[in-house]
Amino acid sequence: MEIICLDTNVLIAHKRAKKADKDKTFLYQLTIKPYQFAVSTITVYELLRGDNQDEDAYWKAMFSNMTVLDFDSHCAEQAATIYQDLKKKGLLIEAEDLLIAATALANKMHLATGNIKHFDRVAGLELVVDSLT
């Protein structure tokens, strides 16, 4: 079973969806396929940096059911390479997106995202995108 890395926006879209619409979210559609899920520690940071303890409990429960990928020195090297490439092309993306992309690449994983505009710029990054959008 393939493990894919989930971008932050995939998780947020699922949480924000109304209960009746949860089965229409990209995350739900991914659960139907033979995937296991991972997230970068950068995604964990993005989702826990608010001050809503109820939401924090929700995210922590979700993370307990998937692999959390550390941002290590290999990821840092990958991020530096991505940064240099995108800067040279004048196509820089937000730091968090760059670090998530680096984590997926360093771990040889596809990245599931709704943010094709940014992640499509990263050379070698294989994306899993919502076919319904």
C-alpha atoms as a PDB file:
ATOM      1  CA  MET A   1       0.000   0.000   0.000  1.00  0.00           C
ATOM      2  CA  GLU A   2       1.450   3.364  -1.052  1.00  0.00           C
ATOM      3  CA  ILE A   3       1.988   6.045   1.560  1.00  0.00           C
ATOM      4  CA  ILE A   4       1.251   9.574   0.341  1.00  0.00           C
ATOM      5  CA  CYS A   5       1.998  12.860   2.034  1.00  0.00           C
ATOM      6  CA  LEU A   6      -1.003  15.104   2.638  1.00  0.00           C
ATOM      7  CA  ASP A   7      -0.714  18.844   2.219  1.00  0.00           C
ATOM      8  CA  THR A   8      -2.213  21.028   4.915  1.00  0.00           C
ATOM      9  CA  ASN A   9      -4.986  22.311   2.639  1.00  0.00           C
ATOM     10  CA  VAL A  10      -6.367  18.791   2.099  1.00  0.00           C
ATOM     11  CA  LEU A  11      -6.875  18.384   5.845  1.00  0.00           C
ATOM     12  CA  ILE A  12      -8.317  21.861   6.362  1.00  0.00           C
ATOM     13  CA  ALA A  13     -10.831  21.424   3.534  1.00  0.00           C
ATOM     14  CA  HIS A  14     -12.050  18.172   5.085  1.00  0.00           C
ATOM     15  CA  LYS A  15     -12.397  19.665   8.573  1.00  0.00           C
ATOM     16  CA  ARG A  16     -14.266  22.710   7.267  1.00  0.00           C
ATOM     17  CA  ALA A  17     -16.704  20.666   5.176  1.00  0.00           C
ATOM     18  CA  LYS A  18     -20.185  20.300   6.586  1.00  0.00           C
ATOM     19  CA  LYS A  19     -20.946  16.871   7.992  1.00  0.00           C
ATOM     20  CA  ALA A  20     -23.231  16.068   5.058  1.00  0.00           C
ATOM     21  CA  ASP A  21     -20.451  16.984   2.620  1.00  0.00           C
ATOM     22  CA  LYS A  22     -17.517  15.130   4.194  1.00  0.00           C
ATOM     23  CA  ASP A  23     -17.841  12.352   1.602  1.00  0.00           C
ATOM     24  CA  LYS A  24     -17.269  14.924  -1.157  1.00  0.00           C
ATOM     25  CA  THR A  25     -13.902  16.098   0.150  1.00  0.00           C
ATOM     26  CA  PHE A  26     -10.602  15.225  -1.489  1.00  0.00           C
ATOM     27  CA  LEU A  27      -9.425  13.543   1.719  1.00  0.00           C
ATOM     28  CA  TYR A  28     -12.476  11.298   1.773  1.00  0.00           C
ATOM     29  CA  GLN A  29     -11.920  10.395  -1.883  1.00  0.00           C
ATOM     30  CA  LEU A  30      -8.326   9.452  -1.043  1.00  0.00           C
ATOM     31  CA  THR A  31      -9.497   7.111   1.739  1.00  0.00           C
ATOM     32  CA  ILE A  32     -11.329   5.034  -0.866  1.00  0.00           C
ATOM     33  CA  LYS A  33      -8.055   4.317  -2.657  1.00  0.00           C
ATOM     34  CA  PRO A  34      -5.329   2.001  -1.390  1.00  0.00           C
ATOM     35  CA  TYR A  35      -3.308   4.733   0.342  1.00  0.00           C
ATOM     36  CA  GLN A  36      -1.870   5.208   3.752  1.00  0.00           C
ATOM     37  CA  PHE A  37      -1.295   8.777   4.860  1.00  0.00           C
ATOM     38  CA  ALA A  38       1.612  10.795   6.160  1.00  0.00           C
ATOM     39  CA  VAL A  39       2.052  14.460   6.992  1.00  0.00           C
ATOM     40  CA  SER A  40       5.120  16.622   7.360  1.00  0.00           C
ATOM     41  CA  THR A  41       5.991  18.102  10.724  1.00  0.00           C
ATOM     42  CA  ILE A  42       5.489  21.396   8.871  1.00  0.00           C
ATOM     43  CA  THR A  43       1.803  20.520   8.402  1.00  0.00           C
ATOM     44  CA  VAL A  44       1.579  19.646  12.090  1.00  0.00           C
ATOM     45  CA  TYR A  45       3.029  23.084  12.887  1.00  0.00           C
ATOM     46  CA  GLU A  46       0.632  24.868  10.508  1.00  0.00           C
ATOM     47  CA  LEU A  47      -2.412  23.200  12.042  1.00  0.00           C
ATOM     48  CA  LEU A  48      -1.398  23.548  15.686  1.00  0.00           C
ATOM     49  CA  ARG A  49      -0.120  27.131  15.614  1.00  0.00           C
ATOM     50  CA  GLY A  50      -3.535  28.592  16.411  1.00  0.00           C
ATOM     51  CA  ASP A  51      -4.903  29.007  19.922  1.00  0.00           C
ATOM     52  CA  ASN A  52      -7.970  26.773  19.677  1.00  0.00           C
ATOM     53  CA  GLN A  53      -7.425  23.817  22.015  1.00  0.00           C
ATOM     54  CA  ASP A  54     -10.521  21.995  20.708  1.00  0.00           C
ATOM     55  CA  GLU A  55      -9.110  22.127  17.196  1.00  0.00           C
ATOM     56  CA  ASP A  56      -5.707  21.049  18.480  1.00  0.00           C
ATOM     57  CA  ALA A  57      -7.306  17.932  19.971  1.00  0.00           C
ATOM     58  CA  TYR A  58      -8.978  17.189  16.615  1.00  0.00           C
ATOM     59  CA  TRP A  59      -5.685  17.507  14.724  1.00  0.00           C
ATOM     60  CA  LYS A  60      -3.701  15.500  17.278  1.00  0.00           C
ATOM     61  CA  ALA A  61      -6.236  12.673  17.016  1.00  0.00           C
ATOM     62  CA  MET A  62      -5.950  12.777  13.226  1.00  0.00           C
ATOM     63  CA  PHE A  63      -2.139  12.758  13.333  1.00  0.00           C
ATOM     64  CA  SER A  64      -2.184   9.740  15.644  1.00  0.00           C
ATOM     65  CA  ASN A  65      -3.620   7.736  12.743  1.00  0.00           C
ATOM     66  CA  MET A  66      -0.886   8.568  10.255  1.00  0.00           C
ATOM     67  CA  THR A  67       2.854   8.789   9.900  1.00  0.00           C
ATOM     68  CA  VAL A  68       4.388  12.139  10.823  1.00  0.00           C
ATOM     69  CA  LEU A  69       7.491  12.814   8.722  1.00  0.00           C
ATOM     70  CA  ASP A  70      10.277  14.678  10.490  1.00  0.00           C
ATOM     71  CA  PHE A  71      11.966  17.609   8.793  1.00  0.00           C
ATOM     72  CA  ASP A  72      15.549  16.415   9.030  1.00  0.00           C
ATOM     73  CA  SER A  73      18.864  17.377   7.424  1.00  0.00           C
ATOM     74  CA  HIS A  74      18.013  15.439   4.249  1.00  0.00           C
ATOM     75  CA  CYS A  75      14.779  17.440   3.961  1.00  0.00           C
ATOM     76  CA  ALA A  76      16.706  20.647   4.626  1.00  0.00           C
ATOM     77  CA  GLU A  77      19.121  19.881   1.785  1.00  0.00           C
ATOM     78  CA  GLN A  78      16.187  19.103  -0.502  1.00  0.00           C
ATOM     79  CA  ALA A  79      14.500  22.367   0.520  1.00  0.00           C
ATOM     80  CA  ALA A  80      17.643  24.355  -0.265  1.00  0.00           C
ATOM     81  CA  THR A  81      17.824  22.782  -3.729  1.00  0.00           C
ATOM     82  CA  ILE A  82      14.151  23.555  -4.389  1.00  0.00           C
ATOM     83  CA  TYR A  83      14.582  27.123  -3.124  1.00  0.00           C
ATOM     84  CA  GLN A  84      17.593  27.761  -5.359  1.00  0.00           C
ATOM     85  CA  ASP A  85      15.802  26.346  -8.399  1.00  0.00           C
ATOM     86  CA  LEU A  86      12.605  28.333  -7.821  1.00  0.00           C
ATOM     87  CA  LYS A  87      14.504  31.540  -7.027  1.00  0.00           C
ATOM     88  CA  LYS A  88      16.512  31.232 -10.241  1.00  0.00           C
ATOM     89  CA  LYS A  89      13.241  30.887 -12.174  1.00  0.00           C
ATOM     90  CA  GLY A  90      11.546  33.710 -10.250  1.00  0.00           C
ATOM     91  CA  LEU A  91       8.871  31.278  -9.033  1.00  0.00           C
ATOM     92  CA  LEU A  92       9.329  31.195  -5.258  1.00  0.00           C
ATOM     93  CA  ILE A  93       6.515  29.761  -3.143  1.00  0.00           C
ATOM     94  CA  GLU A  94       5.651  30.187   0.540  1.00  0.00           C
ATOM     95  CA  ALA A  95       8.255  28.788   2.922  1.00  0.00           C
ATOM     96  CA  GLU A  96       5.857  26.259   4.462  1.00  0.00           C
ATOM     97  CA  ASP A  97       4.905  24.899   1.014  1.00  0.00           C
ATOM     98  CA  LEU A  98       8.553  24.639   0.059  1.00  0.00           C
ATOM     99  CA  LEU A  99       9.331  22.692   3.243  1.00  0.00           C
ATOM    100  CA  ILE A 100       6.359  20.349   2.752  1.00  0.00           C
ATOM    101  CA  ALA A 101       7.449  19.702  -0.850  1.00  0.00           C
ATOM    102  CA  ALA A 102      10.991  18.996   0.339  1.00  0.00           C
ATOM    103  CA  THR A 103       9.719  16.545   2.947  1.00  0.00           C
ATOM    104  CA  ALA A 104       7.663  14.648   0.349  1.00  0.00           C
ATOM    105  CA  LEU A 105      10.592  14.534  -2.096  1.00  0.00           C
ATOM    106  CA  ALA A 106      13.125  13.515   0.555  1.00  0.00           C
ATOM    107  CA  ASN A 107      10.825  10.659   1.603  1.00  0.00           C
ATOM    108  CA  LYS A 108      10.088   9.688  -2.024  1.00  0.00           C
ATOM    109  CA  MET A 109       6.355  10.242  -1.593  1.00  0.00           C
ATOM    110  CA  HIS A 110       3.646  11.712  -3.761  1.00  0.00           C
ATOM    111  CA  LEU A 111       1.995  14.831  -2.346  1.00  0.00           C
ATOM    112  CA  ALA A 112      -1.800  15.115  -2.225  1.00  0.00           C
ATOM    113  CA  THR A 113      -2.723  18.779  -2.536  1.00  0.00           C
ATOM    114  CA  GLY A 114      -5.343  21.201  -3.694  1.00  0.00           C
ATOM    115  CA  ASN A 115      -2.624  23.797  -4.274  1.00  0.00           C
ATOM    116  CA  ILE A 116      -1.437  22.768  -7.714  1.00  0.00           C
ATOM    117  CA  LYS A 117      -0.419  26.352  -8.548  1.00  0.00           C
ATOM    118  CA  HIS A 118       2.451  26.278  -6.047  1.00  0.00           C
ATOM    119  CA  PHE A 119       3.491  22.652  -5.910  1.00  0.00           C
ATOM    120  CA  ASP A 120       3.493  22.159  -9.673  1.00  0.00           C
ATOM    121  CA  ARG A 121       6.560  24.441  -9.757  1.00  0.00           C
ATOM    122  CA  VAL A 122       8.673  21.945  -7.800  1.00  0.00           C
ATOM    123  CA  ALA A 123      10.735  19.774 -10.123  1.00  0.00           C
ATOM    124  CA  GLY A 124      10.376  16.058  -9.514  1.00  0.00           C
ATOM    125  CA  LEU A 125       7.466  16.352  -7.077  1.00  0.00           C
ATOM    126  CA  GLU A 126       4.698  13.916  -7.987  1.00  0.00           C
ATOM    127  CA  LEU A 127       1.268  15.309  -7.145  1.00  0.00           C
ATOM    128  CA  VAL A 128      -1.984  13.569  -6.348  1.00  0.00           C
ATOM    129  CA  VAL A 129      -4.768  15.998  -7.169  1.00  0.00           C
ATOM    130  CA  ASP A 130      -8.530  16.002  -6.823  1.00  0.00           C
ATOM    131  CA  SER A 131     -10.004  14.789 -10.094  1.00  0.00           C
ATOM    132  CA  LEU A 132     -13.323  16.442  -9.228  1.00  0.00           C
ATOM    133  CA  THR A 133     -11.943  19.994  -9.335  1.00  0.00           C
END
